[in-house]
Amino acid sequence: MKEGFPLKICGRVTSGLGKGRVFLSLEPYRKALEKLIGQEVYPGTLNLKVALEEWRKLYESATFFIPSFVLEGRRYGTVKAVPVELNGGIPGAVLFPEKGIRPALLEIASPHSLREYFSLRDGDPFCFRVKNLKQGVEDH
């Protein structure tokens, strides 16, 4: 395995609710994720169904937190994130929003529309590597 990315997670692509596009267009989320992955973030996520035990391991290991904020009178919740590496060395992050969390479903943010970039459809397998667990950009 590639050094620094010891854990490989695989799942199946699934359709989401379209909320990733809305939330990743908000500046506080977008800027924090750009800091985490080192590149501009595409306004949308890839949704991936994974085994519950893998979901739990990632969720419990998330050490990067985007704090909640208020924008135009609306409160947006905290998001936990885990940095990952996608196929071809593309940086990304698995996101765990405080509101609307769904066990066994991962949301992956990256610089690209991953469905388009990898020509993915619902049901397709997709794998990624997780950076060293418990070593995030910002520990809070």
Protein backbone atom coordinates (compact mmCIF):
# COMPACT_ATOMS: atom_id res chain seq x y z
CA MET A 1 0.00 0.00 0.00
CA LYS A 2 1.06 3.55 -0.60
CA GLU A 3 2.85 5.05 2.40
CA GLY A 4 0.60 7.39 4.37
CA PHE A 5 -2.55 5.76 2.97
CA PRO A 6 -2.69 2.45 4.84
CA LEU A 7 -6.43 1.73 4.68
CA LYS A 8 -8.32 0.93 1.48
CA ILE A 9 -12.12 1.33 1.53
CA CYS A 10 -14.40 0.09 -1.24
CA GLY A 11 -18.10 0.57 -1.77
CA ARG A 12 -20.80 1.06 -4.39
CA VAL A 13 -21.79 4.37 -5.95
CA THR A 14 -25.30 5.51 -5.10
CA SER A 15 -27.42 8.58 -5.76
CA GLY A 16 -27.63 11.22 -3.08
CA LEU A 17 -30.14 13.91 -2.24
CA GLY A 18 -28.25 16.69 -4.04
CA LYS A 19 -27.48 18.52 -0.81
CA GLY A 20 -23.70 18.20 -1.25
CA ARG A 21 -23.84 20.64 -4.14
CA VAL A 22 -25.63 23.24 -2.01
CA PHE A 23 -23.40 22.90 1.05
CA LEU A 24 -20.10 22.76 -0.82
CA SER A 25 -20.99 26.02 -2.55
CA LEU A 26 -21.01 27.76 0.87
CA GLU A 27 -17.73 29.58 1.48
CA PRO A 28 -16.96 28.36 5.05
CA TYR A 29 -17.27 24.70 4.03
CA ARG A 30 -15.51 25.19 0.70
CA LYS A 31 -12.53 27.09 2.14
CA ALA A 32 -11.99 24.59 4.96
CA LEU A 33 -12.07 21.65 2.54
CA GLU A 34 -9.68 23.42 0.18
CA LYS A 35 -7.28 23.76 3.11
CA LEU A 36 -7.66 20.06 3.92
CA ILE A 37 -7.15 18.68 0.40
CA GLY A 38 -4.94 21.43 -0.97
CA GLN A 39 -7.08 22.16 -4.03
CA GLU A 40 -10.30 23.87 -5.02
CA VAL A 41 -13.30 21.65 -4.25
CA TYR A 42 -15.97 20.68 -6.78
CA PRO A 43 -19.43 21.75 -5.52
CA GLY A 44 -20.87 18.28 -5.05
CA THR A 45 -20.07 14.91 -3.52
CA LEU A 46 -19.90 11.30 -4.61
CA ASN A 47 -22.10 9.07 -2.44
CA LEU A 48 -20.78 5.62 -1.65
CA LYS A 49 -22.45 2.74 0.22
CA VAL A 50 -19.92 0.90 2.38
CA ALA A 51 -19.91 -1.73 5.10
CA LEU A 52 -21.14 -0.32 8.42
CA GLU A 53 -17.93 -1.28 10.25
CA GLU A 54 -15.83 0.65 7.72
CA TRP A 55 -18.15 3.65 8.05
CA ARG A 56 -17.80 3.55 11.84
CA LYS A 57 -14.02 3.30 11.68
CA LEU A 58 -13.84 6.40 9.48
CA TYR A 59 -16.41 8.32 11.48
CA GLU A 60 -14.67 7.65 14.78
CA SER A 61 -11.28 8.55 13.31
CA ALA A 62 -12.24 11.91 11.82
CA THR A 63 -10.01 14.58 13.35
CA PHE A 64 -10.63 17.48 10.97
CA PHE A 65 -13.65 19.56 11.91
CA ILE A 66 -15.35 22.38 10.07
CA PRO A 67 -17.15 24.35 12.79
CA SER A 68 -20.78 25.33 12.58
CA PHE A 69 -21.57 28.82 11.37
CA VAL A 70 -24.53 31.14 10.77
CA LEU A 71 -25.10 32.57 7.31
CA GLU A 72 -28.06 34.82 6.49
CA GLY A 73 -29.78 33.83 9.73
CA ARG A 74 -29.44 30.08 9.15
CA ARG A 75 -27.19 27.80 11.23
CA TYR A 76 -25.09 25.31 9.31
CA GLY A 77 -23.77 22.36 11.32
CA THR A 78 -20.32 21.05 12.05
CA VAL A 79 -18.79 18.68 9.51
CA LYS A 80 -16.24 16.03 10.40
CA ALA A 81 -13.84 15.05 7.62
CA VAL A 82 -11.21 12.43 6.84
CA PRO A 83 -8.60 13.12 4.13
CA VAL A 84 -8.39 10.44 1.44
CA GLU A 85 -6.63 9.68 -1.81
CA LEU A 86 -8.69 8.68 -4.82
CA ASN A 87 -7.59 6.81 -7.94
CA GLY A 88 -4.71 8.50 -9.72
CA GLY A 89 -3.55 10.32 -6.60
CA ILE A 90 -6.51 12.73 -6.58
CA PRO A 91 -6.98 14.26 -3.11
CA GLY A 92 -10.36 14.14 -1.46
CA ALA A 93 -12.19 14.06 1.85
CA VAL A 94 -14.92 11.89 3.30
CA LEU A 95 -17.50 14.15 4.93
CA PHE A 96 -19.70 13.47 7.94
CA PRO A 97 -22.20 16.34 8.31
CA GLU A 98 -23.57 16.84 11.82
CA LYS A 99 -27.06 17.15 10.38
CA GLY A 100 -28.40 14.38 8.21
CA ILE A 101 -25.74 11.79 8.97
CA ARG A 102 -26.52 8.40 7.41
CA PRO A 103 -24.58 5.34 8.61
CA ALA A 104 -22.99 3.19 5.88
CA LEU A 105 -23.20 6.09 3.40
CA LEU A 106 -20.08 8.14 2.69
CA GLU A 107 -19.96 11.51 0.98
CA ILE A 108 -16.69 12.18 -0.83
CA ALA A 109 -15.59 15.68 -1.83
CA SER A 110 -12.77 16.27 -4.32
CA PRO A 111 -11.58 18.76 -6.95
CA HIS A 112 -13.67 16.92 -9.60
CA SER A 113 -17.16 15.68 -10.29
CA LEU A 114 -16.15 12.09 -9.54
CA ARG A 115 -19.11 10.61 -11.43
CA GLU A 116 -17.97 12.37 -14.59
CA TYR A 117 -14.22 12.05 -14.05
CA PHE A 118 -14.39 8.27 -13.55
CA SER A 119 -17.56 7.67 -15.65
CA LEU A 120 -19.39 6.23 -12.64
CA ARG A 121 -23.02 5.14 -12.42
CA ASP A 122 -25.13 3.91 -9.53
CA GLY A 123 -24.00 0.45 -8.46
CA ASP A 124 -20.44 0.81 -9.78
CA PRO A 125 -17.66 -0.18 -7.38
CA PHE A 126 -15.33 2.59 -6.19
CA CYS A 127 -12.32 2.42 -3.86
CA PHE A 128 -10.13 4.99 -2.16
CA ARG A 129 -7.31 5.07 0.38
CA VAL A 130 -7.52 6.73 3.76
CA LYS A 131 -4.65 8.82 5.07
CA ASN A 132 -3.20 7.94 8.45
CA LEU A 133 -6.12 7.74 10.82
CA LYS A 134 -6.10 10.06 13.83
CA GLN A 135 -3.78 12.50 12.03
CA GLY A 136 -5.90 15.30 10.63
CA VAL A 137 -5.00 18.81 9.57
CA GLU A 138 -6.68 20.37 12.58
CA ASP A 139 -7.26 18.45 15.79
CA HIS A 140 -10.00 19.99 17.94
